[in-house]
Amino acid sequence: MNFILTVKMGFFGISISIFYSGNFTIFQLNWVFQFPKNVFGPGLSIAHRGTIVVMGSTKVGTNCRIHTCVNIVVKAGTLSLAPQIGDNVYIGPGAKLFGDIKIADSIAIGANAVVNKSFLEPGITIAGVPAKKISDKGSERLLSRGTEMVQEK
């Protein structure tokens, strides 16, 4: 039985690989997170393993829940025009957020949404390509607020 854990710290992020083999079983698991320090506020929840890319000029508030294959990046041709995301925001799998946009508090962003404009109304759900408001229900039912769990202890 073999078990190998590899952690690589690179310029663009952290890559963690776990390889297990034994008794006719081969299992490999990879995580790739690409985001610099001080981008996310407290209470970040990464829902599943997979690729997540976030540029350094992005700012995300407290209790963000982010799924796999999410890209939060700058406007093409710039290094500083990145999304500013509020508190208690849920970002579904495959969502793409880019450019100089603002996302209000308690917004739920649907799977595979392409968000290229600001949404300043709190507590709504947005989805689609390009993203638009689809519901007045926000992220409340989709989040466990990590900062509140810590304060209760």
N, C-alpha and C. Protein backbone atom coordinates (compact mmCIF):
# COMPACT_ATOMS: atom_id res chain seq x y z
N MET A 1 0.85 -1.17 0.00
CA MET A 1 0.00 0.00 0.00
C MET A 1 0.89 1.23 0.00
N ASN A 2 0.62 2.19 -0.90
CA ASN A 2 1.36 3.44 -0.98
C ASN A 2 0.42 4.61 -0.77
N PHE A 3 0.94 5.61 -0.10
CA PHE A 3 0.20 6.85 0.10
C PHE A 3 1.19 7.98 -0.05
N ILE A 4 0.96 8.88 -1.02
CA ILE A 4 1.88 9.97 -1.29
C ILE A 4 1.10 11.28 -1.24
N LEU A 5 1.59 12.23 -0.46
CA LEU A 5 1.01 13.56 -0.40
C LEU A 5 2.04 14.55 -0.93
N THR A 6 1.66 15.34 -1.92
CA THR A 6 2.56 16.34 -2.49
C THR A 6 1.91 17.70 -2.40
N VAL A 7 2.61 18.66 -1.85
CA VAL A 7 2.14 20.03 -1.79
C VAL A 7 3.17 20.89 -2.51
N LYS A 8 2.73 21.61 -3.53
CA LYS A 8 3.62 22.48 -4.29
C LYS A 8 3.13 23.91 -4.15
N MET A 9 4.01 24.78 -3.70
CA MET A 9 3.70 26.20 -3.60
C MET A 9 4.36 26.88 -4.78
N GLY A 10 3.57 27.40 -5.69
CA GLY A 10 4.12 28.05 -6.86
C GLY A 10 3.76 29.51 -6.91
N PHE A 11 4.21 30.16 -7.95
CA PHE A 11 3.95 31.58 -8.13
C PHE A 11 2.46 31.86 -8.24
N PHE A 12 1.70 30.94 -8.85
CA PHE A 12 0.29 31.17 -9.09
C PHE A 12 -0.64 30.51 -8.07
N GLY A 13 -0.12 29.82 -7.07
CA GLY A 13 -1.00 29.23 -6.08
C GLY A 13 -0.44 27.97 -5.48
N ILE A 14 -1.34 27.18 -4.91
CA ILE A 14 -0.98 25.96 -4.21
C ILE A 14 -1.60 24.79 -4.95
N SER A 15 -0.81 23.76 -5.17
CA SER A 15 -1.31 22.53 -5.77
C SER A 15 -1.10 21.42 -4.76
N ILE A 16 -2.17 20.71 -4.42
CA ILE A 16 -2.09 19.61 -3.46
C ILE A 16 -2.53 18.34 -4.19
N SER A 17 -1.69 17.33 -4.18
CA SER A 17 -2.02 16.05 -4.80
C SER A 17 -1.93 14.94 -3.76
N ILE A 18 -2.89 14.05 -3.77
CA ILE A 18 -2.86 12.87 -2.92
C ILE A 18 -2.97 11.67 -3.84
N PHE A 19 -2.05 10.73 -3.71
CA PHE A 19 -2.06 9.52 -4.53
C PHE A 19 -2.07 8.33 -3.59
N TYR A 20 -3.02 7.42 -3.75
CA TYR A 20 -3.14 6.23 -2.93
C TYR A 20 -3.27 5.01 -3.85
N SER A 21 -2.51 3.98 -3.58
CA SER A 21 -2.69 2.74 -4.32
C SER A 21 -2.51 1.57 -3.38
N GLY A 22 -3.34 0.60 -3.50
CA GLY A 22 -3.24 -0.60 -2.68
C GLY A 22 -4.39 -1.52 -2.97
N ASN A 23 -4.12 -2.83 -3.01
CA ASN A 23 -5.15 -3.85 -3.25
C ASN A 23 -6.09 -3.49 -4.40
N PHE A 24 -5.54 -3.30 -5.56
CA PHE A 24 -6.30 -3.04 -6.78
C PHE A 24 -7.02 -1.70 -6.79
N THR A 25 -6.62 -0.79 -5.93
CA THR A 25 -7.26 0.53 -5.88
C THR A 25 -6.21 1.59 -6.17
N ILE A 26 -6.52 2.46 -7.11
CA ILE A 26 -5.67 3.61 -7.36
C ILE A 26 -6.56 4.84 -7.23
N PHE A 27 -6.15 5.75 -6.40
CA PHE A 27 -6.94 6.93 -6.11
C PHE A 27 -6.03 8.14 -6.19
N GLN A 28 -6.41 9.14 -6.95
CA GLN A 28 -5.64 10.36 -7.00
C GLN A 28 -6.60 11.54 -6.90
N LEU A 29 -6.21 12.51 -6.09
CA LEU A 29 -7.03 13.66 -5.82
C LEU A 29 -6.17 14.91 -5.98
N ASN A 30 -6.65 15.89 -6.72
CA ASN A 30 -5.88 17.13 -6.94
C ASN A 30 -6.72 18.35 -6.59
N TRP A 31 -6.09 19.29 -5.93
CA TRP A 31 -6.69 20.60 -5.67
C TRP A 31 -5.77 21.65 -6.24
N VAL A 32 -6.32 22.65 -6.89
CA VAL A 32 -5.52 23.79 -7.33
C VAL A 32 -6.28 25.05 -6.97
N PHE A 33 -5.70 25.85 -6.10
CA PHE A 33 -6.27 27.14 -5.72
C PHE A 33 -5.28 28.21 -6.15
N GLN A 34 -5.76 29.17 -6.88
CA GLN A 34 -4.87 30.25 -7.33
C GLN A 34 -5.43 31.58 -6.86
N PHE A 35 -5.04 31.98 -5.66
CA PHE A 35 -5.37 33.32 -5.21
C PHE A 35 -4.37 33.79 -4.17
N PRO A 36 -4.03 35.08 -4.25
CA PRO A 36 -3.05 35.66 -3.34
C PRO A 36 -3.64 35.91 -1.95
N LYS A 37 -2.80 36.30 -1.02
CA LYS A 37 -3.22 36.63 0.33
C LYS A 37 -4.08 37.89 0.33
N ASN A 38 -4.91 38.00 1.36
CA ASN A 38 -5.71 39.20 1.64
C ASN A 38 -6.74 39.53 0.58
N VAL A 39 -7.19 38.54 -0.15
CA VAL A 39 -8.26 38.75 -1.12
C VAL A 39 -9.61 38.47 -0.46
N PHE A 40 -9.69 37.40 0.32
CA PHE A 40 -10.94 36.97 0.95
C PHE A 40 -11.00 37.42 2.40
N GLY A 41 -12.20 37.82 2.83
CA GLY A 41 -12.43 38.12 4.23
C GLY A 41 -12.58 36.83 5.02
N PRO A 42 -12.78 36.92 6.33
CA PRO A 42 -12.92 35.71 7.16
C PRO A 42 -14.17 34.92 6.79
N GLY A 43 -14.14 33.63 7.05
CA GLY A 43 -15.28 32.77 6.81
C GLY A 43 -15.35 32.17 5.42
N LEU A 44 -14.26 32.21 4.65
CA LEU A 44 -14.25 31.63 3.30
C LEU A 44 -14.55 30.14 3.36
N SER A 45 -15.44 29.67 2.49
CA SER A 45 -15.76 28.25 2.37
C SER A 45 -15.52 27.81 0.93
N ILE A 46 -14.61 26.86 0.74
CA ILE A 46 -14.36 26.29 -0.59
C ILE A 46 -15.09 24.96 -0.62
N ALA A 47 -16.15 24.90 -1.43
CA ALA A 47 -17.10 23.80 -1.37
C ALA A 47 -16.57 22.47 -1.90
N HIS A 48 -15.76 22.48 -2.93
CA HIS A 48 -15.30 21.23 -3.55
C HIS A 48 -13.88 21.43 -4.06
N ARG A 49 -13.19 20.33 -4.27
CA ARG A 49 -11.86 20.40 -4.86
C ARG A 49 -12.00 20.78 -6.33
N GLY A 50 -10.97 21.38 -6.86
CA GLY A 50 -10.98 21.77 -8.26
C GLY A 50 -10.26 23.10 -8.44
N THR A 51 -10.25 23.57 -9.64
CA THR A 51 -9.53 24.79 -9.97
C THR A 51 -10.35 26.02 -9.62
N ILE A 52 -9.72 26.95 -8.91
CA ILE A 52 -10.31 28.24 -8.58
C ILE A 52 -9.24 29.29 -8.87
N VAL A 53 -9.57 30.29 -9.70
CA VAL A 53 -8.61 31.34 -10.04
C VAL A 53 -9.19 32.68 -9.60
N VAL A 54 -8.41 33.41 -8.79
CA VAL A 54 -8.82 34.72 -8.30
C VAL A 54 -7.63 35.66 -8.41
N MET A 55 -7.81 36.81 -9.04
CA MET A 55 -6.73 37.79 -9.20
C MET A 55 -6.51 38.56 -7.91
N GLY A 56 -5.29 39.06 -7.73
CA GLY A 56 -4.88 39.72 -6.50
C GLY A 56 -5.58 41.02 -6.19
N SER A 57 -6.10 41.73 -7.17
CA SER A 57 -6.76 43.00 -6.91
C SER A 57 -8.25 42.83 -6.58
N THR A 58 -8.73 41.60 -6.58
CA THR A 58 -10.10 41.31 -6.19
C THR A 58 -10.25 41.45 -4.69
N LYS A 59 -11.39 41.90 -4.22
CA LYS A 59 -11.71 41.95 -2.80
C LYS A 59 -13.04 41.25 -2.58
N VAL A 60 -13.05 40.31 -1.61
CA VAL A 60 -14.24 39.54 -1.30
C VAL A 60 -14.50 39.67 0.20
N GLY A 61 -15.75 39.93 0.57
CA GLY A 61 -16.13 40.12 1.97
C GLY A 61 -16.16 38.83 2.77
N THR A 62 -16.78 38.88 3.92
CA THR A 62 -16.84 37.73 4.84
C THR A 62 -17.82 36.68 4.35
N ASN A 63 -17.58 35.45 4.78
CA ASN A 63 -18.48 34.31 4.57
C ASN A 63 -18.82 34.03 3.12
N CYS A 64 -17.85 34.12 2.24
CA CYS A 64 -18.05 33.77 0.83
C CYS A 64 -17.97 32.25 0.69
N ARG A 65 -18.89 31.66 -0.05
CA ARG A 65 -18.83 30.24 -0.38
C ARG A 65 -18.57 30.15 -1.88
N ILE A 66 -17.50 29.46 -2.23
CA ILE A 66 -17.07 29.41 -3.63
C ILE A 66 -16.91 27.95 -4.05
N HIS A 67 -17.39 27.65 -5.24
CA HIS A 67 -17.33 26.28 -5.77
C HIS A 67 -16.20 26.14 -6.79
N THR A 68 -16.06 24.95 -7.31
CA THR A 68 -15.00 24.62 -8.25
C THR A 68 -15.19 25.31 -9.60
N CYS A 69 -14.09 25.48 -10.30
CA CYS A 69 -14.04 26.04 -11.65
C CYS A 69 -14.53 27.49 -11.72
N VAL A 70 -14.35 28.23 -10.65
CA VAL A 70 -14.73 29.64 -10.61
C VAL A 70 -13.52 30.49 -11.01
N ASN A 71 -13.76 31.50 -11.82
CA ASN A 71 -12.73 32.47 -12.21
C ASN A 71 -13.22 33.86 -11.82
N ILE A 72 -12.41 34.57 -11.03
CA ILE A 72 -12.70 35.95 -10.67
C ILE A 72 -11.48 36.75 -11.10
N VAL A 73 -11.59 37.44 -12.22
CA VAL A 73 -10.41 38.02 -12.86
C VAL A 73 -10.63 39.46 -13.27
N VAL A 74 -9.53 40.12 -13.63
CA VAL A 74 -9.53 41.53 -14.02
C VAL A 74 -10.09 41.72 -15.43
N LYS A 75 -10.39 42.98 -15.73
CA LYS A 75 -10.78 43.34 -17.09
C LYS A 75 -9.58 43.12 -18.00
N ALA A 76 -9.80 42.61 -19.18
CA ALA A 76 -8.72 42.33 -20.12
C ALA A 76 -7.86 43.57 -20.34
N GLY A 77 -6.55 43.37 -20.29
CA GLY A 77 -5.61 44.45 -20.54
C GLY A 77 -5.28 45.29 -19.32
N THR A 78 -5.83 44.94 -18.15
CA THR A 78 -5.54 45.69 -16.93
C THR A 78 -5.05 44.75 -15.83
N LEU A 79 -4.52 45.32 -14.78
CA LEU A 79 -4.12 44.52 -13.62
C LEU A 79 -4.89 44.90 -12.37
N SER A 80 -5.71 45.94 -12.43
CA SER A 80 -6.35 46.42 -11.22
C SER A 80 -7.87 46.50 -11.28
N LEU A 81 -8.48 46.39 -12.44
CA LEU A 81 -9.93 46.50 -12.55
C LEU A 81 -10.57 45.14 -12.33
N ALA A 82 -10.69 44.76 -11.05
CA ALA A 82 -11.18 43.44 -10.67
C ALA A 82 -12.48 43.56 -9.89
N PRO A 83 -13.25 42.48 -9.80
CA PRO A 83 -14.51 42.51 -9.05
C PRO A 83 -14.31 42.81 -7.57
N GLN A 84 -15.28 43.52 -7.00
CA GLN A 84 -15.37 43.79 -5.57
C GLN A 84 -16.66 43.11 -5.11
N ILE A 85 -16.53 42.10 -4.24
CA ILE A 85 -17.66 41.25 -3.88
C ILE A 85 -17.98 41.44 -2.41
N GLY A 86 -19.26 41.59 -2.09
CA GLY A 86 -19.71 41.86 -0.73
C GLY A 86 -19.67 40.65 0.19
N ASP A 87 -20.30 40.80 1.34
CA ASP A 87 -20.36 39.75 2.36
C ASP A 87 -21.46 38.73 2.04
N ASN A 88 -21.27 37.51 2.51
CA ASN A 88 -22.28 36.44 2.42
C ASN A 88 -22.71 36.15 0.99
N VAL A 89 -21.75 36.09 0.09
CA VAL A 89 -22.03 35.82 -1.32
C VAL A 89 -21.73 34.36 -1.64
N TYR A 90 -22.66 33.72 -2.33
CA TYR A 90 -22.52 32.35 -2.80
C TYR A 90 -22.16 32.39 -4.28
N ILE A 91 -21.06 31.72 -4.65
CA ILE A 91 -20.62 31.69 -6.06
C ILE A 91 -20.66 30.24 -6.53
N GLY A 92 -21.59 29.94 -7.42
CA GLY A 92 -21.83 28.58 -7.88
C GLY A 92 -20.72 28.05 -8.78
N PRO A 93 -20.72 26.74 -9.02
CA PRO A 93 -19.68 26.11 -9.83
C PRO A 93 -19.61 26.69 -11.24
N GLY A 94 -18.40 26.95 -11.69
CA GLY A 94 -18.17 27.40 -13.06
C GLY A 94 -18.46 28.86 -13.32
N ALA A 95 -18.82 29.62 -12.29
CA ALA A 95 -19.13 31.04 -12.51
C ALA A 95 -17.89 31.82 -12.92
N LYS A 96 -18.08 32.79 -13.77
CA LYS A 96 -16.99 33.66 -14.25
C LYS A 96 -17.38 35.09 -13.93
N LEU A 97 -16.55 35.78 -13.14
CA LEU A 97 -16.76 37.17 -12.81
C LEU A 97 -15.55 37.94 -13.29
N PHE A 98 -15.77 39.01 -14.06
CA PHE A 98 -14.60 39.73 -14.54
C PHE A 98 -14.90 41.20 -14.76
N GLY A 99 -13.84 42.00 -14.63
CA GLY A 99 -13.93 43.42 -14.88
C GLY A 99 -14.17 44.23 -13.62
N ASP A 100 -14.33 45.51 -13.80
CA ASP A 100 -14.53 46.47 -12.72
C ASP A 100 -16.00 46.46 -12.31
N ILE A 101 -16.40 45.43 -11.55
CA ILE A 101 -17.80 45.26 -11.16
C ILE A 101 -17.90 45.18 -9.64
N LYS A 102 -19.12 45.44 -9.14
CA LYS A 102 -19.40 45.33 -7.72
C LYS A 102 -20.58 44.38 -7.54
N ILE A 103 -20.44 43.47 -6.57
CA ILE A 103 -21.49 42.52 -6.23
C ILE A 103 -21.92 42.83 -4.80
N ALA A 104 -23.21 43.12 -4.59
CA ALA A 104 -23.72 43.51 -3.27
C ALA A 104 -23.72 42.31 -2.31
N ASP A 105 -24.03 42.59 -1.05
CA ASP A 105 -24.09 41.56 -0.01
C ASP A 105 -25.22 40.57 -0.27
N SER A 106 -25.02 39.34 0.18
CA SER A 106 -26.05 38.27 0.19
C SER A 106 -26.59 37.92 -1.18
N ILE A 107 -25.77 38.01 -2.20
CA ILE A 107 -26.17 37.62 -3.55
C ILE A 107 -25.76 36.17 -3.80
N ALA A 108 -26.62 35.43 -4.48
CA ALA A 108 -26.31 34.08 -4.94
C ALA A 108 -26.04 34.15 -6.43
N ILE A 109 -24.88 33.61 -6.85
CA ILE A 109 -24.51 33.60 -8.27
C ILE A 109 -24.63 32.16 -8.77
N GLY A 110 -25.45 31.94 -9.77
CA GLY A 110 -25.74 30.60 -10.26
C GLY A 110 -24.58 29.95 -10.98
N ALA A 111 -24.68 28.64 -11.13
CA ALA A 111 -23.66 27.85 -11.81
C ALA A 111 -23.48 28.34 -13.25
N ASN A 112 -22.22 28.44 -13.65
CA ASN A 112 -21.82 28.84 -15.01
C ASN A 112 -22.27 30.23 -15.43
N ALA A 113 -22.63 31.07 -14.46
CA ALA A 113 -23.01 32.44 -14.78
C ALA A 113 -21.79 33.21 -15.27
N VAL A 114 -22.01 34.14 -16.20
CA VAL A 114 -20.96 35.04 -16.65
C VAL A 114 -21.36 36.44 -16.20
N VAL A 115 -20.64 36.94 -15.19
CA VAL A 115 -20.99 38.22 -14.57
C VAL A 115 -20.00 39.27 -15.05
N ASN A 116 -20.50 40.19 -15.87
CA ASN A 116 -19.64 41.24 -16.42
C ASN A 116 -20.20 42.64 -16.18
N LYS A 117 -21.18 42.74 -15.27
CA LYS A 117 -21.71 44.04 -14.86
C LYS A 117 -22.05 43.99 -13.38
N SER A 118 -22.15 45.16 -12.76
CA SER A 118 -22.40 45.26 -11.33
C SER A 118 -23.85 44.91 -10.99
N PHE A 119 -24.03 44.31 -9.80
CA PHE A 119 -25.34 44.05 -9.22
C PHE A 119 -25.31 44.64 -7.82
N LEU A 120 -26.02 45.75 -7.61
CA LEU A 120 -25.94 46.50 -6.37
C LEU A 120 -27.12 46.26 -5.43
N GLU A 121 -28.12 45.49 -5.88
CA GLU A 121 -29.27 45.16 -5.04
C GLU A 121 -28.93 43.94 -4.19
N PRO A 122 -28.92 44.07 -2.86
CA PRO A 122 -28.56 42.92 -2.01
C PRO A 122 -29.67 41.87 -1.98
N GLY A 123 -29.28 40.63 -1.67
CA GLY A 123 -30.24 39.56 -1.43
C GLY A 123 -30.97 39.05 -2.65
N ILE A 124 -30.33 39.03 -3.80
CA ILE A 124 -30.95 38.51 -5.02
C ILE A 124 -30.14 37.33 -5.55
N THR A 125 -30.72 36.64 -6.52
CA THR A 125 -30.01 35.57 -7.22
C THR A 125 -29.81 36.02 -8.66
N ILE A 126 -28.58 35.82 -9.15
CA ILE A 126 -28.27 36.15 -10.55
C ILE A 126 -27.75 34.90 -11.23
N ALA A 127 -28.02 34.78 -12.51
CA ALA A 127 -27.56 33.62 -13.28
C ALA A 127 -27.67 33.95 -14.76
N GLY A 128 -27.06 33.10 -15.58
CA GLY A 128 -27.18 33.22 -17.02
C GLY A 128 -25.93 33.76 -17.68
N VAL A 129 -25.99 33.80 -19.01
CA VAL A 129 -24.89 34.29 -19.83
C VAL A 129 -25.46 35.33 -20.80
N PRO A 130 -25.25 36.60 -20.56
CA PRO A 130 -24.64 37.22 -19.38
C PRO A 130 -25.61 37.15 -18.20
N ALA A 131 -25.07 37.33 -17.00
CA ALA A 131 -25.88 37.20 -15.78
C ALA A 131 -26.94 38.29 -15.70
N LYS A 132 -28.10 37.91 -15.17
CA LYS A 132 -29.18 38.85 -14.90
C LYS A 132 -29.91 38.37 -13.65
N LYS A 133 -30.69 39.26 -13.05
CA LYS A 133 -31.45 38.91 -11.86
C LYS A 133 -32.53 37.90 -12.24
N ILE A 134 -32.59 36.80 -11.48
CA ILE A 134 -33.62 35.79 -11.76
C ILE A 134 -34.53 35.55 -10.57
N SER A 135 -34.14 36.07 -9.37
CA SER A 135 -34.94 35.82 -8.18
C SER A 135 -34.64 36.84 -7.10
N ASP A 136 -35.61 37.05 -6.21
CA ASP A 136 -35.40 37.90 -5.05
C ASP A 136 -34.86 37.11 -3.86
N LYS A 137 -34.62 35.83 -4.04
CA LYS A 137 -34.01 35.01 -2.99
C LYS A 137 -32.50 35.11 -3.14
N GLY A 138 -31.83 35.45 -2.09
CA GLY A 138 -30.37 35.60 -2.14
C GLY A 138 -29.67 34.35 -1.64
N SER A 139 -28.54 34.56 -0.99
CA SER A 139 -27.67 33.46 -0.57
C SER A 139 -28.01 32.90 0.80
N GLU A 140 -29.00 33.44 1.48
CA GLU A 140 -29.31 33.06 2.86
C GLU A 140 -29.42 31.54 3.05
N ARG A 141 -30.11 30.86 2.17
CA ARG A 141 -30.33 29.42 2.31
C ARG A 141 -29.14 28.58 1.84
N LEU A 142 -28.13 29.20 1.27
CA LEU A 142 -27.01 28.48 0.68
C LEU A 142 -25.73 28.55 1.50
N LEU A 143 -25.72 29.35 2.57
CA LEU A 143 -24.48 29.60 3.30
C LEU A 143 -24.54 29.10 4.74
N SER A 144 -23.40 28.69 5.24
CA SER A 144 -23.16 28.53 6.67
C SER A 144 -22.13 29.60 7.00
N ARG A 145 -22.47 30.52 7.83
CA ARG A 145 -21.58 31.65 8.13
C ARG A 145 -20.48 31.23 9.09
N GLY A 146 -19.30 31.03 8.55
CA GLY A 146 -18.16 30.57 9.34
C GLY A 146 -17.80 31.53 10.46
N THR A 147 -17.93 32.82 10.22
CA THR A 147 -17.56 33.79 11.26
C THR A 147 -18.51 33.72 12.44
N GLU A 148 -19.78 33.43 12.21
CA GLU A 148 -20.74 33.30 13.32
C GLU A 148 -20.50 32.01 14.10
N MET A 149 -20.12 30.93 13.41
CA MET A 149 -19.83 29.67 14.10
C MET A 149 -18.65 29.82 15.05
N VAL A 150 -17.64 30.55 14.64
CA VAL A 150 -16.45 30.76 15.47
C VAL A 150 -16.80 31.62 16.67
N GLN A 151 -17.62 32.65 16.48
CA GLN A 151 -17.97 33.55 17.57
C GLN A 151 -18.84 32.86 18.62
N GLU A 152 -19.63 31.84 18.22
CA GLU A 152 -20.48 31.12 19.16
C GLU A 152 -19.70 30.25 20.13
N LYS A 153 -18.49 29.83 19.73
CA LYS A 153 -17.71 28.91 20.57
C LYS A 153 -17.05 29.60 21.70
